N, C-alpha and C. Protein backbone atom coordinates (compact mmCIF):
# COMPACT_ATOMS: atom_id res chain seq x y z
N MET A 1 111.40 105.00 94.07
CA MET A 1 111.56 103.65 94.60
C MET A 1 112.33 102.82 93.59
N LYS A 2 113.31 102.10 94.09
CA LYS A 2 114.12 101.31 93.19
C LYS A 2 113.59 99.89 93.04
N LYS A 3 113.76 99.34 91.86
CA LYS A 3 113.50 97.92 91.58
C LYS A 3 112.06 97.46 91.80
N VAL A 4 111.10 98.32 91.80
CA VAL A 4 109.72 97.88 91.98
C VAL A 4 109.05 97.72 90.62
N THR A 5 107.99 96.95 90.57
CA THR A 5 107.28 96.74 89.31
C THR A 5 106.55 98.01 88.89
N ASN A 6 106.25 98.07 87.62
CA ASN A 6 105.46 99.20 87.12
C ASN A 6 104.10 99.25 87.78
N ASP A 7 103.52 98.09 88.04
CA ASP A 7 102.21 98.04 88.71
C ASP A 7 102.27 98.68 90.09
N PHE A 8 103.31 98.33 90.85
CA PHE A 8 103.43 98.89 92.19
C PHE A 8 103.72 100.38 92.13
N MET A 9 104.55 100.79 91.19
CA MET A 9 104.85 102.22 91.05
C MET A 9 103.58 103.01 90.73
N MET A 10 102.74 102.47 89.85
CA MET A 10 101.49 103.16 89.54
C MET A 10 100.60 103.22 90.77
N PHE A 11 100.55 102.15 91.53
CA PHE A 11 99.79 102.13 92.79
C PHE A 11 100.27 103.25 93.71
N MET A 12 101.58 103.38 93.84
CA MET A 12 102.14 104.41 94.70
C MET A 12 101.83 105.82 94.20
N GLU A 13 101.86 106.01 92.89
CA GLU A 13 101.70 107.34 92.32
C GLU A 13 100.25 107.75 92.09
N GLU A 14 99.38 106.80 91.85
CA GLU A 14 98.03 107.14 91.38
C GLU A 14 96.89 106.76 92.34
N SER A 15 97.21 106.37 93.55
CA SER A 15 96.16 105.88 94.46
C SER A 15 95.71 106.91 95.49
N ASN A 16 96.00 108.17 95.20
CA ASN A 16 95.54 109.25 96.09
C ASN A 16 95.97 109.07 97.54
N GLY A 17 97.23 108.69 97.73
CA GLY A 17 97.78 108.57 99.07
C GLY A 17 97.65 107.21 99.70
N VAL A 18 96.88 106.32 99.09
CA VAL A 18 96.71 104.98 99.66
C VAL A 18 98.04 104.22 99.64
N GLY A 19 98.79 104.38 98.55
CA GLY A 19 100.10 103.72 98.45
C GLY A 19 101.04 104.17 99.54
N GLN A 20 101.07 105.47 99.81
CA GLN A 20 101.93 105.99 100.88
C GLN A 20 101.47 105.48 102.24
N ALA A 21 100.17 105.40 102.45
CA ALA A 21 99.66 104.87 103.71
C ALA A 21 100.04 103.40 103.87
N PHE A 22 99.94 102.66 102.78
CA PHE A 22 100.33 101.25 102.79
C PHE A 22 101.80 101.11 103.17
N MET A 23 102.66 101.92 102.53
CA MET A 23 104.09 101.85 102.81
C MET A 23 104.40 102.28 104.24
N GLY A 24 103.62 103.19 104.78
CA GLY A 24 103.78 103.57 106.18
C GLY A 24 103.52 102.38 107.11
N THR A 25 102.50 101.61 106.78
CA THR A 25 102.18 100.42 107.55
C THR A 25 103.30 99.39 107.43
N VAL A 26 103.78 99.19 106.20
CA VAL A 26 104.88 98.26 105.97
C VAL A 26 106.10 98.66 106.79
N SER A 27 106.39 99.95 106.80
CA SER A 27 107.53 100.47 107.55
C SER A 27 107.38 100.20 109.05
N LYS A 28 106.20 100.47 109.57
CA LYS A 28 105.94 100.24 110.99
C LYS A 28 106.07 98.76 111.35
N LEU A 29 105.56 97.88 110.48
CA LEU A 29 105.68 96.44 110.72
C LEU A 29 107.14 96.01 110.74
N SER A 30 107.93 96.54 109.84
CA SER A 30 109.36 96.21 109.79
C SER A 30 110.07 96.68 111.04
N GLU A 31 109.74 97.89 111.49
CA GLU A 31 110.36 98.43 112.69
C GLU A 31 110.02 97.59 113.93
N ALA A 32 108.80 97.07 113.97
CA ALA A 32 108.34 96.32 115.13
C ALA A 32 108.76 94.85 115.09
N SER A 33 109.26 94.39 113.96
CA SER A 33 109.61 92.98 113.80
C SER A 33 110.84 92.61 114.62
N ALA A 34 110.80 91.43 115.20
CA ALA A 34 111.96 90.89 115.91
C ALA A 34 112.94 90.21 114.95
N LEU A 35 112.55 90.11 113.68
CA LEU A 35 113.40 89.45 112.69
C LEU A 35 114.43 90.42 112.14
N ASP A 36 115.62 89.91 111.84
CA ASP A 36 116.61 90.75 111.16
C ASP A 36 116.17 90.92 109.70
N ALA A 37 116.79 91.85 109.00
CA ALA A 37 116.35 92.21 107.65
C ALA A 37 116.40 91.02 106.68
N LYS A 38 117.44 90.22 106.75
CA LYS A 38 117.55 89.07 105.85
C LYS A 38 116.42 88.08 106.10
N THR A 39 116.19 87.75 107.36
CA THR A 39 115.14 86.79 107.71
C THR A 39 113.77 87.33 107.32
N GLN A 40 113.56 88.62 107.52
CA GLN A 40 112.29 89.26 107.14
C GLN A 40 112.05 89.10 105.64
N GLU A 41 113.08 89.35 104.84
CA GLU A 41 112.93 89.21 103.38
C GLU A 41 112.68 87.76 102.98
N LEU A 42 113.38 86.82 103.62
CA LEU A 42 113.17 85.42 103.30
C LEU A 42 111.74 84.99 103.65
N ALA A 43 111.23 85.47 104.77
CA ALA A 43 109.84 85.17 105.14
C ALA A 43 108.88 85.76 104.12
N TYR A 44 109.16 86.97 103.69
CA TYR A 44 108.31 87.63 102.70
C TYR A 44 108.31 86.84 101.39
N ILE A 45 109.49 86.35 101.00
CA ILE A 45 109.60 85.53 99.79
C ILE A 45 108.73 84.28 99.92
N SER A 46 108.73 83.66 101.09
CA SER A 46 107.89 82.48 101.32
C SER A 46 106.42 82.78 101.10
N VAL A 47 105.97 83.90 101.62
CA VAL A 47 104.57 84.28 101.48
C VAL A 47 104.25 84.60 100.02
N LEU A 48 105.11 85.36 99.37
CA LEU A 48 104.89 85.68 97.96
C LEU A 48 104.78 84.41 97.12
N ALA A 49 105.67 83.47 97.35
CA ALA A 49 105.66 82.22 96.59
C ALA A 49 104.37 81.44 96.83
N ALA A 50 103.96 81.33 98.09
CA ALA A 50 102.74 80.58 98.42
C ALA A 50 101.50 81.22 97.81
N LEU A 51 101.50 82.55 97.73
CA LEU A 51 100.35 83.27 97.17
C LEU A 51 100.46 83.46 95.66
N GLN A 52 101.53 82.97 95.08
CA GLN A 52 101.81 83.08 93.65
C GLN A 52 101.87 84.54 93.18
N MET A 53 102.45 85.38 94.02
CA MET A 53 102.64 86.79 93.68
C MET A 53 104.04 86.94 93.07
N ILE A 54 104.18 86.44 91.86
CA ILE A 54 105.46 86.31 91.19
C ILE A 54 106.12 87.67 90.94
N LYS A 55 105.32 88.67 90.60
CA LYS A 55 105.89 89.98 90.27
C LYS A 55 106.70 90.57 91.42
N GLY A 56 106.33 90.31 92.64
CA GLY A 56 107.03 90.87 93.78
C GLY A 56 108.33 90.15 94.13
N LEU A 57 108.53 88.99 93.56
CA LEU A 57 109.71 88.20 93.92
C LEU A 57 111.01 88.87 93.53
N ASP A 58 111.08 89.44 92.36
CA ASP A 58 112.33 90.05 91.89
C ASP A 58 112.85 91.05 92.92
N PHE A 59 112.00 91.96 93.34
CA PHE A 59 112.40 92.98 94.31
C PHE A 59 112.86 92.35 95.62
N HIS A 60 112.07 91.44 96.17
CA HIS A 60 112.37 90.90 97.49
C HIS A 60 113.53 89.92 97.48
N VAL A 61 113.71 89.19 96.39
CA VAL A 61 114.90 88.33 96.29
C VAL A 61 116.15 89.19 96.26
N LYS A 62 116.12 90.27 95.50
CA LYS A 62 117.29 91.16 95.45
C LYS A 62 117.54 91.82 96.80
N GLN A 63 116.48 92.16 97.51
CA GLN A 63 116.63 92.73 98.85
C GLN A 63 117.27 91.69 99.78
N ALA A 64 116.80 90.45 99.71
CA ALA A 64 117.35 89.39 100.55
C ALA A 64 118.83 89.19 100.23
N LYS A 65 119.15 89.19 98.96
CA LYS A 65 120.54 89.03 98.54
C LYS A 65 121.40 90.17 99.08
N GLU A 66 120.90 91.40 99.01
CA GLU A 66 121.62 92.55 99.55
C GLU A 66 121.87 92.42 101.05
N HIS A 67 120.96 91.72 101.73
CA HIS A 67 121.09 91.53 103.18
C HIS A 67 121.87 90.26 103.52
N GLY A 68 122.47 89.64 102.50
CA GLY A 68 123.35 88.49 102.75
C GLY A 68 122.76 87.12 102.53
N ALA A 69 121.55 87.03 102.00
CA ALA A 69 120.95 85.72 101.75
C ALA A 69 121.67 85.01 100.61
N THR A 70 121.87 83.73 100.78
CA THR A 70 122.46 82.91 99.72
C THR A 70 121.35 82.42 98.80
N LEU A 71 121.75 81.93 97.64
CA LEU A 71 120.78 81.34 96.71
C LEU A 71 120.08 80.15 97.37
N GLU A 72 120.81 79.36 98.13
CA GLU A 72 120.20 78.21 98.80
C GLU A 72 119.16 78.64 99.82
N GLU A 73 119.40 79.75 100.51
CA GLU A 73 118.41 80.26 101.47
C GLU A 73 117.17 80.75 100.74
N VAL A 74 117.34 81.41 99.61
CA VAL A 74 116.19 81.89 98.82
C VAL A 74 115.39 80.70 98.33
N LYS A 75 116.06 79.69 97.79
CA LYS A 75 115.35 78.49 97.33
C LYS A 75 114.57 77.86 98.47
N SER A 76 115.20 77.73 99.63
CA SER A 76 114.52 77.14 100.78
C SER A 76 113.31 77.96 101.21
N ALA A 77 113.43 79.28 101.14
CA ALA A 77 112.31 80.16 101.50
C ALA A 77 111.12 79.91 100.58
N VAL A 78 111.40 79.79 99.29
CA VAL A 78 110.31 79.53 98.33
C VAL A 78 109.64 78.20 98.64
N LEU A 79 110.41 77.21 99.02
CA LEU A 79 109.88 75.85 99.23
C LEU A 79 109.17 75.67 100.57
N VAL A 80 109.23 76.65 101.46
CA VAL A 80 108.58 76.53 102.76
C VAL A 80 107.10 76.17 102.61
N GLY A 81 106.42 76.78 101.68
CA GLY A 81 104.98 76.55 101.52
C GLY A 81 104.60 75.30 100.75
N LEU A 82 105.57 74.59 100.20
CA LEU A 82 105.28 73.43 99.35
C LEU A 82 104.34 72.41 100.01
N PRO A 83 104.53 72.03 101.27
CA PRO A 83 103.62 71.04 101.86
C PRO A 83 102.17 71.53 101.95
N LEU A 84 101.99 72.84 102.06
CA LEU A 84 100.63 73.37 102.22
C LEU A 84 99.98 73.78 100.91
N VAL A 85 100.76 74.34 99.99
CA VAL A 85 100.16 74.85 98.75
C VAL A 85 100.56 74.05 97.53
N GLY A 86 101.46 73.11 97.69
CA GLY A 86 101.83 72.22 96.60
C GLY A 86 102.69 72.88 95.54
N LEU A 87 102.59 72.34 94.36
CA LEU A 87 103.47 72.75 93.26
C LEU A 87 103.20 74.15 92.74
N ARG A 88 102.25 74.85 93.31
CA ARG A 88 102.04 76.23 92.89
C ARG A 88 103.29 77.07 93.15
N VAL A 89 104.20 76.59 94.01
CA VAL A 89 105.44 77.33 94.25
C VAL A 89 106.48 77.11 93.16
N SER A 90 106.24 76.20 92.22
CA SER A 90 107.25 75.91 91.19
C SER A 90 107.51 77.11 90.30
N GLU A 91 106.49 77.85 89.93
CA GLU A 91 106.69 79.06 89.12
C GLU A 91 107.49 80.09 89.91
N ALA A 92 107.18 80.21 91.18
CA ALA A 92 107.91 81.14 92.04
C ALA A 92 109.36 80.70 92.21
N PHE A 93 109.58 79.39 92.26
CA PHE A 93 110.93 78.87 92.42
C PHE A 93 111.81 79.34 91.26
N ALA A 94 111.31 79.14 90.05
CA ALA A 94 112.07 79.56 88.86
C ALA A 94 112.29 81.06 88.86
N ALA A 95 111.27 81.84 89.17
CA ALA A 95 111.38 83.30 89.17
C ALA A 95 112.38 83.78 90.22
N ALA A 96 112.39 83.14 91.38
CA ALA A 96 113.30 83.55 92.45
C ALA A 96 114.75 83.24 92.09
N VAL A 97 114.98 82.07 91.52
CA VAL A 97 116.34 81.72 91.11
C VAL A 97 116.84 82.67 90.02
N GLU A 98 115.99 82.96 89.05
CA GLU A 98 116.37 83.88 87.99
C GLU A 98 116.66 85.28 88.55
N ALA A 99 115.85 85.75 89.48
CA ALA A 99 116.06 87.07 90.08
C ALA A 99 117.38 87.10 90.85
N TYR A 100 117.68 86.04 91.56
CA TYR A 100 118.92 85.99 92.34
C TYR A 100 120.14 86.02 91.42
N ARG A 101 120.03 85.30 90.33
CA ARG A 101 121.19 85.19 89.42
C ARG A 101 121.31 86.37 88.46
N ALA A 102 120.28 87.19 88.35
CA ALA A 102 120.29 88.32 87.42
C ALA A 102 121.38 89.33 87.80
N GLU A 103 122.00 89.86 86.79
CA GLU A 103 122.99 90.93 87.01
C GLU A 103 122.24 92.20 87.35
N GLU A 104 122.78 92.96 88.22
CA GLU A 104 122.13 94.22 88.64
C GLU A 104 122.56 95.35 87.76
């Protein structure tokens, strides 16, 4: 798997098949989604930011960028949760911008 955190890679490798089952579910959800790939990634970024799951942002921001998302779209996705979760998205905002601007 490319661009995933060490934590996620360990989960995939050491969870006795639970990681693969999880990814199977993720795959099925993606296949069933009415959203295009870019919109799906932007939605995922919104959820990650609201839940303060900063480690996952790098991967999903880069995925969104690969699917044509602009930096402004990524920023907007992070800010979607601001009215509900408040400034807890500020750390995610910085992480998402840095991930988008990072050289691959």
